[in-house]
Amino acid sequence: MTEPTTLTAIHYLGAAILVLIALLAIACWWAYDAYESGRGSRQPEVNELRADRGLANMRNLQLRTQLEHCKENAAQALEQQQLNHEQELQALRANLTPLSERDISTIGKMAEKLNLAANALHATGSFKESREAKNLASSGFRIVDDLNRARATQEAA
């Protein structure tokens, strides 16, 4: 009598193992189905994100191209500005030709003659004209000094 009881327990054990295998298979199938349905439901979002990434890459390329174009325009504008500045500087230099040494010495001689004339005017009693001649002679000497200094500075530059 003990034999049939043991045999029944083995049958129950085997049946339990088969049921566990069947339950495990059903659980695996259910998990795979859930995975596939989840993956399938997210696929349009993934495709949309990929399309957006493609558009962003195209926009980025357009912006880089535009930036390069702006850099080139700025470089050309700067170069043109420098050329205009050089042309204006040359035109100013051409208009402001410095006096020659001969002209400066002529002004100096004129100042000396005015100084002598001021003394002569003072001696004759024309004090007002004497003072004006002294002032003009003083201005002439100052102009000669300024011109000589400017000429030396220009030659040094």
N, C-alpha and C. Protein backbone atom coordinates (compact mmCIF):
# COMPACT_ATOMS: atom_id res chain seq x y z
N MET A 1 0.76 -1.17 0.00
CA MET A 1 0.00 0.00 0.00
C MET A 1 0.83 1.29 0.00
N THR A 2 1.97 1.19 0.47
CA THR A 2 2.82 2.35 0.46
C THR A 2 3.31 2.68 -0.93
N GLU A 3 3.38 1.71 -1.75
CA GLU A 3 3.87 1.98 -3.09
C GLU A 3 2.95 2.90 -3.88
N PRO A 4 1.67 2.70 -3.86
CA PRO A 4 0.83 3.60 -4.61
C PRO A 4 0.87 5.02 -4.05
N THR A 5 1.06 5.23 -2.77
CA THR A 5 1.12 6.55 -2.20
C THR A 5 2.36 7.27 -2.70
N THR A 6 3.48 6.57 -2.73
CA THR A 6 4.71 7.17 -3.22
C THR A 6 4.58 7.47 -4.70
N LEU A 7 4.01 6.59 -5.38
CA LEU A 7 3.85 6.79 -6.81
C LEU A 7 2.94 8.00 -7.05
N THR A 8 1.98 8.22 -6.28
CA THR A 8 1.08 9.33 -6.41
C THR A 8 1.81 10.62 -6.08
N ALA A 9 2.64 10.61 -5.07
CA ALA A 9 3.41 11.80 -4.72
C ALA A 9 4.35 12.18 -5.85
N ILE A 10 4.96 11.21 -6.49
CA ILE A 10 5.86 11.49 -7.61
C ILE A 10 5.05 12.07 -8.76
N HIS A 11 3.84 11.52 -8.97
CA HIS A 11 3.00 12.05 -10.04
C HIS A 11 2.60 13.49 -9.75
N TYR A 12 2.27 13.75 -8.44
CA TYR A 12 1.93 15.12 -8.08
C TYR A 12 3.13 16.07 -8.25
N LEU A 13 4.27 15.55 -7.87
CA LEU A 13 5.48 16.37 -8.02
C LEU A 13 5.76 16.65 -9.49
N GLY A 14 5.64 15.66 -10.34
CA GLY A 14 5.85 15.85 -11.78
C GLY A 14 4.83 16.79 -12.36
N ALA A 15 3.55 16.64 -11.93
CA ALA A 15 2.50 17.51 -12.41
C ALA A 15 2.76 18.95 -11.96
N ALA A 16 3.22 19.11 -10.73
CA ALA A 16 3.52 20.45 -10.22
C ALA A 16 4.64 21.09 -11.02
N ILE A 17 5.65 20.28 -11.36
CA ILE A 17 6.77 20.81 -12.16
C ILE A 17 6.27 21.22 -13.54
N LEU A 18 5.40 20.37 -14.14
CA LEU A 18 4.85 20.71 -15.45
C LEU A 18 4.00 21.98 -15.37
N VAL A 19 3.22 22.13 -14.31
CA VAL A 19 2.41 23.33 -14.14
C VAL A 19 3.32 24.56 -13.96
N LEU A 20 4.39 24.40 -13.18
CA LEU A 20 5.33 25.52 -13.00
C LEU A 20 6.00 25.90 -14.32
N ILE A 21 6.36 24.91 -15.12
CA ILE A 21 6.97 25.19 -16.42
C ILE A 21 5.95 25.92 -17.31
N ALA A 22 4.69 25.43 -17.28
CA ALA A 22 3.66 26.07 -18.09
C ALA A 22 3.42 27.50 -17.61
N LEU A 23 3.37 27.72 -16.30
CA LEU A 23 3.19 29.07 -15.76
C LEU A 23 4.38 29.97 -16.12
N LEU A 24 5.58 29.42 -16.05
CA LEU A 24 6.78 30.18 -16.42
C LEU A 24 6.74 30.56 -17.89
N ALA A 25 6.28 29.62 -18.73
CA ALA A 25 6.18 29.91 -20.17
C ALA A 25 5.15 31.00 -20.42
N ILE A 26 4.02 30.91 -19.71
CA ILE A 26 2.98 31.92 -19.86
C ILE A 26 3.49 33.28 -19.38
N ALA A 27 4.21 33.32 -18.27
CA ALA A 27 4.75 34.57 -17.74
C ALA A 27 5.77 35.17 -18.72
N CYS A 28 6.60 34.30 -19.30
CA CYS A 28 7.59 34.80 -20.29
C CYS A 28 6.89 35.34 -21.52
N TRP A 29 5.87 34.60 -21.99
CA TRP A 29 5.14 35.07 -23.16
C TRP A 29 4.45 36.40 -22.86
N TRP A 30 3.85 36.52 -21.67
CA TRP A 30 3.16 37.75 -21.28
C TRP A 30 4.15 38.92 -21.18
N ALA A 31 5.33 38.69 -20.63
CA ALA A 31 6.35 39.74 -20.51
C ALA A 31 6.85 40.15 -21.89
N TYR A 32 7.09 39.19 -22.78
CA TYR A 32 7.54 39.50 -24.13
C TYR A 32 6.48 40.30 -24.88
N ASP A 33 5.22 39.91 -24.72
CA ASP A 33 4.12 40.61 -25.37
C ASP A 33 4.04 42.06 -24.85
N ALA A 34 4.19 42.22 -23.54
CA ALA A 34 4.16 43.57 -22.97
C ALA A 34 5.34 44.40 -23.49
N TYR A 35 6.50 43.78 -23.61
CA TYR A 35 7.68 44.47 -24.14
C TYR A 35 7.44 44.92 -25.58
N GLU A 36 6.92 44.02 -26.40
CA GLU A 36 6.68 44.34 -27.81
C GLU A 36 5.60 45.42 -27.96
N SER A 37 4.55 45.33 -27.14
CA SER A 37 3.51 46.35 -27.26
C SER A 37 4.03 47.71 -26.78
N GLY A 38 4.85 47.71 -25.73
CA GLY A 38 5.45 48.96 -25.26
C GLY A 38 6.41 49.53 -26.28
N ARG A 39 7.17 48.65 -26.87
CA ARG A 39 8.12 49.10 -27.89
C ARG A 39 7.38 49.64 -29.10
N GLY A 40 6.35 48.99 -29.47
CA GLY A 40 5.57 49.43 -30.63
C GLY A 40 4.85 50.73 -30.37
N SER A 41 4.39 50.95 -29.14
CA SER A 41 3.68 52.19 -28.85
C SER A 41 4.63 53.38 -28.79
N ARG A 42 5.88 53.17 -28.48
CA ARG A 42 6.87 54.24 -28.41
C ARG A 42 7.57 54.50 -29.75
N GLN A 43 7.38 53.63 -30.71
CA GLN A 43 8.08 53.77 -31.98
C GLN A 43 7.75 55.08 -32.69
N PRO A 44 6.49 55.55 -32.73
CA PRO A 44 6.22 56.84 -33.37
C PRO A 44 6.95 57.99 -32.68
N GLU A 45 7.03 57.95 -31.35
CA GLU A 45 7.74 58.99 -30.62
C GLU A 45 9.23 58.95 -30.95
N VAL A 46 9.76 57.74 -31.04
CA VAL A 46 11.19 57.60 -31.39
C VAL A 46 11.42 58.14 -32.79
N ASN A 47 10.53 57.81 -33.72
CA ASN A 47 10.68 58.31 -35.09
C ASN A 47 10.58 59.83 -35.14
N GLU A 48 9.67 60.38 -34.35
CA GLU A 48 9.51 61.83 -34.30
C GLU A 48 10.77 62.50 -33.73
N LEU A 49 11.33 61.91 -32.69
CA LEU A 49 12.56 62.44 -32.11
C LEU A 49 13.71 62.38 -33.10
N ARG A 50 13.78 61.29 -33.85
CA ARG A 50 14.84 61.18 -34.86
C ARG A 50 14.66 62.23 -35.95
N ALA A 51 13.41 62.46 -36.36
CA ALA A 51 13.15 63.49 -37.37
C ALA A 51 13.50 64.87 -36.83
N ASP A 52 13.14 65.13 -35.57
CA ASP A 52 13.50 66.41 -34.95
C ASP A 52 15.00 66.59 -34.86
N ARG A 53 15.70 65.51 -34.55
CA ARG A 53 17.17 65.59 -34.49
C ARG A 53 17.73 65.92 -35.87
N GLY A 54 17.16 65.33 -36.90
CA GLY A 54 17.60 65.63 -38.26
C GLY A 54 17.36 67.09 -38.61
N LEU A 55 16.18 67.62 -38.23
CA LEU A 55 15.89 69.03 -38.49
C LEU A 55 16.81 69.94 -37.70
N ALA A 56 17.10 69.55 -36.45
CA ALA A 56 18.01 70.36 -35.64
C ALA A 56 19.41 70.37 -36.25
N ASN A 57 19.85 69.25 -36.77
CA ASN A 57 21.17 69.20 -37.42
C ASN A 57 21.20 70.08 -38.66
N MET A 58 20.11 70.07 -39.43
CA MET A 58 20.06 70.93 -40.62
C MET A 58 20.05 72.40 -40.23
N ARG A 59 19.29 72.74 -39.18
CA ARG A 59 19.24 74.12 -38.72
C ARG A 59 20.61 74.57 -38.19
N ASN A 60 21.27 73.67 -37.48
CA ASN A 60 22.60 73.96 -36.96
C ASN A 60 23.57 74.23 -38.11
N LEU A 61 23.48 73.44 -39.16
CA LEU A 61 24.34 73.64 -40.33
C LEU A 61 24.04 74.98 -41.00
N GLN A 62 22.75 75.33 -41.09
CA GLN A 62 22.38 76.62 -41.68
C GLN A 62 22.92 77.77 -40.84
N LEU A 63 22.81 77.65 -39.53
CA LEU A 63 23.31 78.71 -38.65
C LEU A 63 24.83 78.84 -38.75
N ARG A 64 25.52 77.72 -38.85
CA ARG A 64 26.99 77.79 -39.01
C ARG A 64 27.36 78.46 -40.32
N THR A 65 26.64 78.12 -41.37
CA THR A 65 26.90 78.75 -42.67
C THR A 65 26.64 80.25 -42.59
N GLN A 66 25.55 80.62 -41.94
CA GLN A 66 25.22 82.04 -41.77
C GLN A 66 26.27 82.75 -40.94
N LEU A 67 26.77 82.10 -39.90
CA LEU A 67 27.82 82.68 -39.06
C LEU A 67 29.10 82.90 -39.86
N GLU A 68 29.48 81.92 -40.66
CA GLU A 68 30.67 82.07 -41.50
C GLU A 68 30.49 83.22 -42.49
N HIS A 69 29.30 83.34 -43.04
CA HIS A 69 29.02 84.44 -43.97
C HIS A 69 29.13 85.79 -43.27
N CYS A 70 28.60 85.86 -42.04
CA CYS A 70 28.69 87.10 -41.27
C CYS A 70 30.15 87.44 -40.94
N LYS A 71 30.94 86.42 -40.60
CA LYS A 71 32.36 86.65 -40.32
C LYS A 71 33.07 87.20 -41.54
N GLU A 72 32.76 86.62 -42.70
CA GLU A 72 33.40 87.10 -43.94
C GLU A 72 32.99 88.54 -44.22
N ASN A 73 31.70 88.85 -44.04
CA ASN A 73 31.24 90.23 -44.27
C ASN A 73 31.92 91.20 -43.31
N ALA A 74 32.05 90.80 -42.05
CA ALA A 74 32.69 91.67 -41.07
C ALA A 74 34.16 91.88 -41.42
N ALA A 75 34.83 90.83 -41.86
CA ALA A 75 36.24 90.96 -42.24
C ALA A 75 36.38 91.88 -43.45
N GLN A 76 35.48 91.75 -44.42
CA GLN A 76 35.54 92.62 -45.59
C GLN A 76 35.25 94.07 -45.22
N ALA A 77 34.29 94.27 -44.33
CA ALA A 77 33.96 95.63 -43.90
C ALA A 77 35.14 96.26 -43.16
N LEU A 78 35.80 95.47 -42.31
CA LEU A 78 36.95 95.98 -41.58
C LEU A 78 38.09 96.32 -42.53
N GLU A 79 38.31 95.47 -43.50
CA GLU A 79 39.37 95.74 -44.49
C GLU A 79 39.06 97.00 -45.28
N GLN A 80 37.79 97.16 -45.68
CA GLN A 80 37.39 98.36 -46.43
C GLN A 80 37.55 99.60 -45.56
N GLN A 81 37.20 99.49 -44.29
CA GLN A 81 37.34 100.63 -43.38
C GLN A 81 38.81 101.02 -43.24
N GLN A 82 39.68 100.03 -43.14
CA GLN A 82 41.10 100.33 -43.04
C GLN A 82 41.62 101.00 -44.31
N LEU A 83 41.15 100.53 -45.46
CA LEU A 83 41.56 101.17 -46.72
C LEU A 83 41.06 102.62 -46.78
N ASN A 84 39.81 102.84 -46.38
CA ASN A 84 39.27 104.21 -46.38
C ASN A 84 40.07 105.09 -45.42
N HIS A 85 40.41 104.55 -44.26
CA HIS A 85 41.19 105.31 -43.28
C HIS A 85 42.55 105.69 -43.86
N GLU A 86 43.20 104.74 -44.52
CA GLU A 86 44.51 105.03 -45.12
C GLU A 86 44.39 106.09 -46.21
N GLN A 87 43.34 106.01 -47.02
CA GLN A 87 43.14 107.01 -48.07
C GLN A 87 42.89 108.39 -47.49
N GLU A 88 42.07 108.45 -46.44
CA GLU A 88 41.81 109.74 -45.80
C GLU A 88 43.08 110.31 -45.18
N LEU A 89 43.87 109.45 -44.57
CA LEU A 89 45.12 109.88 -43.95
C LEU A 89 46.09 110.41 -45.00
N GLN A 90 46.17 109.72 -46.13
CA GLN A 90 47.04 110.20 -47.20
C GLN A 90 46.55 111.53 -47.76
N ALA A 91 45.22 111.68 -47.88
CA ALA A 91 44.68 112.94 -48.38
C ALA A 91 44.98 114.08 -47.40
N LEU A 92 44.84 113.81 -46.11
CA LEU A 92 45.17 114.84 -45.12
C LEU A 92 46.65 115.19 -45.15
N ARG A 93 47.49 114.20 -45.28
CA ARG A 93 48.93 114.47 -45.35
C ARG A 93 49.27 115.30 -46.59
N ALA A 94 48.58 115.01 -47.71
CA ALA A 94 48.84 115.76 -48.94
C ALA A 94 48.40 117.22 -48.78
N ASN A 95 47.28 117.42 -48.06
CA ASN A 95 46.80 118.79 -47.86
C ASN A 95 47.64 119.56 -46.85
N LEU A 96 48.22 118.87 -45.92
CA LEU A 96 48.99 119.53 -44.86
C LEU A 96 50.49 119.39 -45.09
N THR A 97 50.92 119.86 -46.24
CA THR A 97 52.35 119.81 -46.51
C THR A 97 53.04 120.78 -45.57
N PRO A 98 54.07 120.31 -44.90
CA PRO A 98 54.75 121.19 -43.95
C PRO A 98 55.51 122.30 -44.67
N LEU A 99 55.70 123.36 -43.95
CA LEU A 99 56.48 124.46 -44.52
C LEU A 99 57.93 124.01 -44.66
N SER A 100 58.55 124.52 -45.68
CA SER A 100 59.96 124.18 -45.87
C SER A 100 60.81 124.96 -44.86
N GLU A 101 62.06 124.58 -44.77
CA GLU A 101 62.97 125.29 -43.85
C GLU A 101 63.13 126.74 -44.29
N ARG A 102 63.08 126.95 -45.58
CA ARG A 102 63.21 128.31 -46.11
C ARG A 102 62.05 129.18 -45.64
N ASP A 103 60.81 128.62 -45.69
CA ASP A 103 59.64 129.37 -45.25
C ASP A 103 59.73 129.67 -43.75
N ILE A 104 60.19 128.70 -42.97
CA ILE A 104 60.29 128.90 -41.53
C ILE A 104 61.35 129.97 -41.21
N SER A 105 62.46 129.93 -41.94
CA SER A 105 63.49 130.95 -41.68
C SER A 105 63.01 132.33 -42.13
N THR A 106 62.18 132.39 -43.16
CA THR A 106 61.61 133.67 -43.59
C THR A 106 60.73 134.25 -42.50
N ILE A 107 59.91 133.40 -41.89
CA ILE A 107 59.05 133.87 -40.80
C ILE A 107 59.91 134.35 -39.62
N GLY A 108 61.00 133.63 -39.34
CA GLY A 108 61.91 134.04 -38.26
C GLY A 108 62.54 135.40 -38.55
N LYS A 109 62.95 135.62 -39.79
CA LYS A 109 63.55 136.91 -40.16
C LYS A 109 62.52 138.04 -40.07
N MET A 110 61.28 137.72 -40.44
CA MET A 110 60.22 138.73 -40.33
C MET A 110 60.00 139.11 -38.87
N ALA A 111 60.05 138.12 -37.98
CA ALA A 111 59.87 138.40 -36.55
C ALA A 111 61.01 139.27 -36.04
N GLU A 112 62.24 139.00 -36.49
CA GLU A 112 63.38 139.82 -36.07
C GLU A 112 63.22 141.25 -36.56
N LYS A 113 62.80 141.42 -37.82
CA LYS A 113 62.61 142.77 -38.37
C LYS A 113 61.51 143.52 -37.61
N LEU A 114 60.43 142.80 -37.24
CA LEU A 114 59.37 143.43 -36.46
C LEU A 114 59.89 143.86 -35.09
N ASN A 115 60.75 143.03 -34.52
CA ASN A 115 61.34 143.37 -33.22
C ASN A 115 62.17 144.65 -33.34
N LEU A 116 62.99 144.76 -34.41
CA LEU A 116 63.79 145.98 -34.64
C LEU A 116 62.88 147.18 -34.91
N ALA A 117 61.81 146.93 -35.68
CA ALA A 117 60.88 148.03 -35.98
C ALA A 117 60.18 148.50 -34.71
N ALA A 118 59.90 147.56 -33.80
CA ALA A 118 59.25 147.93 -32.54
C ALA A 118 60.15 148.88 -31.76
N ASN A 119 61.46 148.60 -31.76
CA ASN A 119 62.40 149.49 -31.05
C ASN A 119 62.44 150.87 -31.70
N ALA A 120 62.42 150.90 -33.02
CA ALA A 120 62.44 152.18 -33.74
C ALA A 120 61.15 152.96 -33.48
N LEU A 121 60.02 152.26 -33.48
CA LEU A 121 58.74 152.93 -33.21
C LEU A 121 58.72 153.49 -31.79
N HIS A 122 59.30 152.75 -30.86
CA HIS A 122 59.35 153.22 -29.47
C HIS A 122 60.19 154.50 -29.38
N ALA A 123 61.28 154.52 -30.13
CA ALA A 123 62.17 155.69 -30.10
C ALA A 123 61.48 156.92 -30.70
N THR A 124 60.60 156.73 -31.65
CA THR A 124 59.91 157.87 -32.27
C THR A 124 58.69 158.29 -31.49
N GLY A 125 58.33 157.55 -30.47
CA GLY A 125 57.20 157.94 -29.63
C GLY A 125 55.89 157.25 -29.99
N SER A 126 55.91 156.35 -30.92
CA SER A 126 54.68 155.60 -31.27
C SER A 126 54.63 154.35 -30.39
N PHE A 127 54.20 154.57 -29.17
CA PHE A 127 54.25 153.48 -28.19
C PHE A 127 53.23 152.37 -28.48
N LYS A 128 52.07 152.79 -28.95
CA LYS A 128 51.04 151.77 -29.22
C LYS A 128 51.49 150.86 -30.36
N GLU A 129 51.98 151.42 -31.45
CA GLU A 129 52.46 150.62 -32.58
C GLU A 129 53.68 149.81 -32.18
N SER A 130 54.52 150.37 -31.31
CA SER A 130 55.70 149.66 -30.84
C SER A 130 55.29 148.40 -30.08
N ARG A 131 54.27 148.56 -29.19
CA ARG A 131 53.80 147.41 -28.42
C ARG A 131 53.19 146.35 -29.34
N GLU A 132 52.40 146.79 -30.34
CA GLU A 132 51.81 145.83 -31.29
C GLU A 132 52.89 145.10 -32.07
N ALA A 133 53.91 145.81 -32.51
CA ALA A 133 55.01 145.20 -33.26
C ALA A 133 55.76 144.20 -32.38
N LYS A 134 55.98 144.54 -31.09
CA LYS A 134 56.65 143.61 -30.16
C LYS A 134 55.82 142.33 -29.99
N ASN A 135 54.50 142.51 -29.84
CA ASN A 135 53.61 141.34 -29.69
C ASN A 135 53.64 140.46 -30.94
N LEU A 136 53.60 141.11 -32.12
CA LEU A 136 53.66 140.35 -33.37
C LEU A 136 54.99 139.62 -33.52
N ALA A 137 56.09 140.28 -33.14
CA ALA A 137 57.41 139.65 -33.22
C ALA A 137 57.47 138.45 -32.27
N SER A 138 56.91 138.62 -31.07
CA SER A 138 56.90 137.52 -30.11
C SER A 138 56.09 136.35 -30.66
N SER A 139 54.94 136.63 -31.26
CA SER A 139 54.12 135.57 -31.87
C SER A 139 54.87 134.90 -33.02
N GLY A 140 55.59 135.68 -33.79
CA GLY A 140 56.37 135.11 -34.89
C GLY A 140 57.44 134.15 -34.39
N PHE A 141 58.15 134.54 -33.31
CA PHE A 141 59.17 133.64 -32.75
C PHE A 141 58.53 132.35 -32.22
N ARG A 142 57.36 132.48 -31.59
CA ARG A 142 56.67 131.29 -31.06
C ARG A 142 56.23 130.38 -32.20
N ILE A 143 55.72 130.96 -33.29
CA ILE A 143 55.29 130.16 -34.45
C ILE A 143 56.47 129.42 -35.05
N VAL A 144 57.61 130.10 -35.16
CA VAL A 144 58.81 129.45 -35.71
C VAL A 144 59.22 128.27 -34.83
N ASP A 145 59.20 128.47 -33.51
CA ASP A 145 59.54 127.36 -32.60
C ASP A 145 58.58 126.19 -32.76
N ASP A 146 57.28 126.51 -32.84
CA ASP A 146 56.27 125.44 -32.99
C ASP A 146 56.46 124.69 -34.30
N LEU A 147 56.72 125.42 -35.36
CA LEU A 147 56.92 124.78 -36.67
C LEU A 147 58.17 123.91 -36.68
N ASN A 148 59.24 124.41 -36.08
CA ASN A 148 60.47 123.60 -36.00
C ASN A 148 60.24 122.32 -35.19
N ARG A 149 59.50 122.44 -34.07
CA ARG A 149 59.20 121.26 -33.24
C ARG A 149 58.33 120.28 -34.01
N ALA A 150 57.31 120.77 -34.71
CA ALA A 150 56.42 119.89 -35.48
C ALA A 150 57.18 119.21 -36.61
N ARG A 151 58.06 119.95 -37.26
CA ARG A 151 58.85 119.37 -38.35
C ARG A 151 59.76 118.26 -37.82
N ALA A 152 60.40 118.49 -36.68
CA ALA A 152 61.28 117.49 -36.09
C ALA A 152 60.48 116.25 -35.68
N THR A 153 59.30 116.48 -35.14
CA THR A 153 58.45 115.33 -34.75
C THR A 153 58.02 114.54 -35.97
N GLN A 154 57.66 115.24 -37.04
CA GLN A 154 57.22 114.55 -38.25
C GLN A 154 58.37 113.76 -38.87
N GLU A 155 59.55 114.33 -38.89
CA GLU A 155 60.70 113.63 -39.43
C GLU A 155 61.07 112.42 -38.59
N ALA A 156 60.89 112.54 -37.26
CA ALA A 156 61.19 111.40 -36.38
C ALA A 156 60.18 110.29 -36.58
N ALA A 157 58.92 110.65 -36.88
CA ALA A 157 57.87 109.62 -37.08
C ALA A 157 58.11 108.94 -38.39
